[in-house]
């Protein structure tokens, strides 16, 4: 069983940066396909970025491409989401998620693909 605990959210002005952290317990994060989702008020929970650590293949939603970066620290068993050039439309609760990938090349973009979730961290970007 894996547990995910996010932190790092907060209030930031447009154009600013935040780094979200997801501490993974139970197994090393590179065993999983990891993703960050976000959910704005009244909206569905949508994927932001995902990574298959086995292959290094990443998926970024178009709206964050070039601004957000996913990375990991094995020593801390922690996955990060670096968010730069933040926009008001990035305001949402951000969730860390994980699943076991079936193949090295697999990508998972649907909320239903993931059995493991963190509790979420609020990111608010003011204009």
C-alpha atoms as a PDB file:
ATOM      1  CA  UNK A   1       0.000   0.000   0.000  1.00  0.00           C
ATOM      2  CA  UNK A   2       1.352   3.415  -0.924  1.00  0.00           C
ATOM      3  CA  UNK A   3       0.601   6.681   0.804  1.00  0.00           C
ATOM      4  CA  UNK A   4       0.946  10.077  -0.831  1.00  0.00           C
ATOM      5  CA  UNK A   5       1.187  13.359   1.058  1.00  0.00           C
ATOM      6  CA  UNK A   6       1.250  16.648  -0.837  1.00  0.00           C
ATOM      7  CA  UNK A   7       2.479  20.008   0.364  1.00  0.00           C
ATOM      8  CA  UNK A   8       3.685  23.299  -1.045  1.00  0.00           C
ATOM      9  CA  UNK A   9       0.482  24.948  -2.150  1.00  0.00           C
ATOM     10  CA  UNK A  10      -0.323  28.538  -1.358  1.00  0.00           C
ATOM     11  CA  UNK A  11      -1.237  31.953  -2.674  1.00  0.00           C
ATOM     12  CA  UNK A  12       0.965  33.468  -5.360  1.00  0.00           C
ATOM     13  CA  UNK A  13       0.676  36.347  -7.795  1.00  0.00           C
ATOM     14  CA  UNK A  14       0.381  35.751 -11.502  1.00  0.00           C
ATOM     15  CA  UNK A  15       3.802  35.176 -13.003  1.00  0.00           C
ATOM     16  CA  UNK A  16       5.132  33.666  -9.802  1.00  0.00           C
ATOM     17  CA  UNK A  17       6.304  30.153  -9.004  1.00  0.00           C
ATOM     18  CA  UNK A  18       5.485  27.357  -6.581  1.00  0.00           C
ATOM     19  CA  UNK A  19       6.934  23.911  -6.033  1.00  0.00           C
ATOM     20  CA  UNK A  20       4.592  21.179  -4.886  1.00  0.00           C
ATOM     21  CA  UNK A  21       5.935  18.124  -3.101  1.00  0.00           C
ATOM     22  CA  UNK A  22       4.486  14.629  -2.891  1.00  0.00           C
ATOM     23  CA  UNK A  23       6.112  12.376  -0.306  1.00  0.00           C
ATOM     24  CA  UNK A  24       5.669   8.736  -1.270  1.00  0.00           C
ATOM     25  CA  UNK A  25       5.679   6.026   1.384  1.00  0.00           C
ATOM     26  CA  UNK A  26       5.383   2.284   1.012  1.00  0.00           C
ATOM     27  CA  UNK A  27       7.490   1.802  -2.124  1.00  0.00           C
ATOM     28  CA  UNK A  28       9.976   3.815  -4.087  1.00  0.00           C
ATOM     29  CA  UNK A  29       8.195   6.290  -6.327  1.00  0.00           C
ATOM     30  CA  UNK A  30       9.978   4.981  -9.413  1.00  0.00           C
ATOM     31  CA  UNK A  31       7.920   1.799  -9.081  1.00  0.00           C
ATOM     32  CA  UNK A  32       4.854   3.781 -10.088  1.00  0.00           C
ATOM     33  CA  UNK A  33       3.472   5.845 -12.855  1.00  0.00           C
ATOM     34  CA  UNK A  34       3.093   9.171 -11.048  1.00  0.00           C
ATOM     35  CA  UNK A  35       0.885  12.082 -11.971  1.00  0.00           C
ATOM     36  CA  UNK A  36      -0.355  15.424 -10.776  1.00  0.00           C
ATOM     37  CA  UNK A  37      -4.013  16.255 -11.273  1.00  0.00           C
ATOM     38  CA  UNK A  38      -5.879  19.429 -10.464  1.00  0.00           C
ATOM     39  CA  UNK A  39      -9.466  20.305  -9.767  1.00  0.00           C
ATOM     40  CA  UNK A  40     -10.841  23.820  -9.956  1.00  0.00           C
ATOM     41  CA  UNK A  41     -14.201  24.691  -8.320  1.00  0.00           C
ATOM     42  CA  UNK A  42     -17.074  23.272 -10.329  1.00  0.00           C
ATOM     43  CA  UNK A  43     -14.708  21.445 -12.662  1.00  0.00           C
ATOM     44  CA  UNK A  44     -13.653  17.848 -13.087  1.00  0.00           C
ATOM     45  CA  UNK A  45     -10.315  16.575 -11.838  1.00  0.00           C
ATOM     46  CA  UNK A  46      -7.944  16.682 -14.815  1.00  0.00           C
ATOM     47  CA  UNK A  47      -4.418  15.483 -15.332  1.00  0.00           C
ATOM     48  CA  UNK A  48      -1.679  18.089 -15.439  1.00  0.00           C
ATOM     49  CA  UNK A  49       1.419  15.954 -15.871  1.00  0.00           C
ATOM     50  CA  UNK A  50       2.345  12.298 -15.668  1.00  0.00           C
ATOM     51  CA  UNK A  51       5.559  10.337 -15.825  1.00  0.00           C
ATOM     52  CA  UNK A  52       6.480   6.720 -16.387  1.00  0.00           C
ATOM     53  CA  UNK A  53       9.747   6.494 -14.455  1.00  0.00           C
ATOM     54  CA  UNK A  54      10.722   3.247 -16.186  1.00  0.00           C
ATOM     55  CA  UNK A  55      11.024   4.953 -19.554  1.00  0.00           C
ATOM     56  CA  UNK A  56      11.224   8.570 -18.490  1.00  0.00           C
ATOM     57  CA  UNK A  57       8.317   9.344 -20.791  1.00  0.00           C
ATOM     58  CA  UNK A  58       6.245  12.287 -19.644  1.00  0.00           C
ATOM     59  CA  UNK A  59       2.853  13.673 -20.480  1.00  0.00           C
ATOM     60  CA  UNK A  60       2.050  17.364 -20.038  1.00  0.00           C
ATOM     61  CA  UNK A  61      -1.320  18.910 -20.722  1.00  0.00           C
ATOM     62  CA  UNK A  62      -0.933  21.628 -23.355  1.00  0.00           C
ATOM     63  CA  UNK A  63      -1.854  24.448 -21.000  1.00  0.00           C
ATOM     64  CA  UNK A  64       1.165  23.812 -18.737  1.00  0.00           C
ATOM     65  CA  UNK A  65       3.726  22.665 -21.312  1.00  0.00           C
ATOM     66  CA  UNK A  66       6.900  24.694 -20.852  1.00  0.00           C
ATOM     67  CA  UNK A  67       5.793  26.102 -17.500  1.00  0.00           C
ATOM     68  CA  UNK A  68       5.472  23.023 -15.252  1.00  0.00           C
ATOM     69  CA  UNK A  69       8.061  20.321 -14.648  1.00  0.00           C
ATOM     70  CA  UNK A  70       7.775  17.022 -12.808  1.00  0.00           C
ATOM     71  CA  UNK A  71      10.832  15.586 -11.078  1.00  0.00           C
ATOM     72  CA  UNK A  72      11.792  13.211  -8.300  1.00  0.00           C
ATOM     73  CA  UNK A  73      14.306  12.849  -5.478  1.00  0.00           C
ATOM     74  CA  UNK A  74      15.082   9.224  -4.654  1.00  0.00           C
ATOM     75  CA  UNK A  75      16.840  10.100  -1.410  1.00  0.00           C
ATOM     76  CA  UNK A  76      13.629  11.702  -0.120  1.00  0.00           C
ATOM     77  CA  UNK A  77      11.261   9.432  -2.074  1.00  0.00           C
ATOM     78  CA  UNK A  78       9.506  12.601  -3.112  1.00  0.00           C
ATOM     79  CA  UNK A  79       8.018  13.766  -6.399  1.00  0.00           C
ATOM     80  CA  UNK A  80       7.896  17.458  -7.205  1.00  0.00           C
ATOM     81  CA  UNK A  81       5.865  19.676  -9.473  1.00  0.00           C
ATOM     82  CA  UNK A  82       7.701  22.884 -10.270  1.00  0.00           C
ATOM     83  CA  UNK A  83       5.219  25.468 -11.494  1.00  0.00           C
ATOM     84  CA  UNK A  84       6.511  28.634 -13.134  1.00  0.00           C
ATOM     85  CA  UNK A  85       4.815  31.560 -14.834  1.00  0.00           C
ATOM     86  CA  UNK A  86       1.641  30.801 -12.952  1.00  0.00           C
ATOM     87  CA  UNK A  87      -1.662  32.105 -14.261  1.00  0.00           C
ATOM     88  CA  UNK A  88      -4.979  32.688 -12.489  1.00  0.00           C
ATOM     89  CA  UNK A  89      -6.421  29.769 -14.456  1.00  0.00           C
ATOM     90  CA  UNK A  90      -3.932  27.479 -12.690  1.00  0.00           C
ATOM     91  CA  UNK A  91      -5.890  28.012  -9.483  1.00  0.00           C
ATOM     92  CA  UNK A  92      -7.076  24.619  -8.246  1.00  0.00           C
ATOM     93  CA  UNK A  93      -6.558  21.892  -5.706  1.00  0.00           C
ATOM     94  CA  UNK A  94      -3.599  19.832  -6.871  1.00  0.00           C
ATOM     95  CA  UNK A  95      -3.448  16.113  -6.230  1.00  0.00           C
ATOM     96  CA  UNK A  96      -0.596  13.649  -6.433  1.00  0.00           C
ATOM     97  CA  UNK A  97      -1.549  10.205  -7.743  1.00  0.00           C
ATOM     98  CA  UNK A  98       0.096   6.871  -8.467  1.00  0.00           C
ATOM     99  CA  UNK A  99      -0.483   3.521 -10.080  1.00  0.00           C
ATOM    100  CA  UNK A 100       1.591   0.552 -11.129  1.00  0.00           C
ATOM    101  CA  UNK A 101       2.361   0.868 -14.838  1.00  0.00           C
ATOM    102  CA  UNK A 102       1.624  -2.175 -16.986  1.00  0.00           C
ATOM    103  CA  UNK A 103       4.425  -1.409 -19.430  1.00  0.00           C
ATOM    104  CA  UNK A 104       7.434   0.907 -19.680  1.00  0.00           C
ATOM    105  CA  UNK A 105       5.672   2.934 -22.336  1.00  0.00           C
ATOM    106  CA  UNK A 106       2.240   3.146 -20.724  1.00  0.00           C
ATOM    107  CA  UNK A 107       0.669   6.503 -20.004  1.00  0.00           C
ATOM    108  CA  UNK A 108      -2.399   7.085 -17.895  1.00  0.00           C
ATOM    109  CA  UNK A 109      -4.383  10.293 -18.186  1.00  0.00           C
ATOM    110  CA  UNK A 110      -7.763   9.452 -16.659  1.00  0.00           C
ATOM    111  CA  UNK A 111      -8.659   9.913 -13.018  1.00  0.00           C
ATOM    112  CA  UNK A 112     -10.088   6.384 -12.973  1.00  0.00           C
ATOM    113  CA  UNK A 113      -6.676   4.962 -13.907  1.00  0.00           C
ATOM    114  CA  UNK A 114      -5.274   5.794 -10.473  1.00  0.00           C
ATOM    115  CA  UNK A 115      -5.962   3.879  -7.237  1.00  0.00           C
ATOM    116  CA  UNK A 116      -3.683   5.963  -5.017  1.00  0.00           C
ATOM    117  CA  UNK A 117      -4.258   9.630  -4.204  1.00  0.00           C
ATOM    118  CA  UNK A 118      -2.987  12.272  -1.855  1.00  0.00           C
ATOM    119  CA  UNK A 119      -5.229  14.624   0.067  1.00  0.00           C
ATOM    120  CA  UNK A 120      -4.589  17.614  -2.207  1.00  0.00           C
ATOM    121  CA  UNK A 121      -3.007  21.017  -1.763  1.00  0.00           C
ATOM    122  CA  UNK A 122      -4.611  24.325  -2.710  1.00  0.00           C
ATOM    123  CA  UNK A 123      -2.914  26.585  -5.230  1.00  0.00           C
ATOM    124  CA  UNK A 124      -4.358  30.057  -5.691  1.00  0.00           C
ATOM    125  CA  UNK A 125      -2.969  32.451  -8.291  1.00  0.00           C
ATOM    126  CA  UNK A 126      -4.080  36.053  -8.014  1.00  0.00           C
ATOM    127  CA  UNK A 127      -4.217  38.405 -10.976  1.00  0.00           C
END
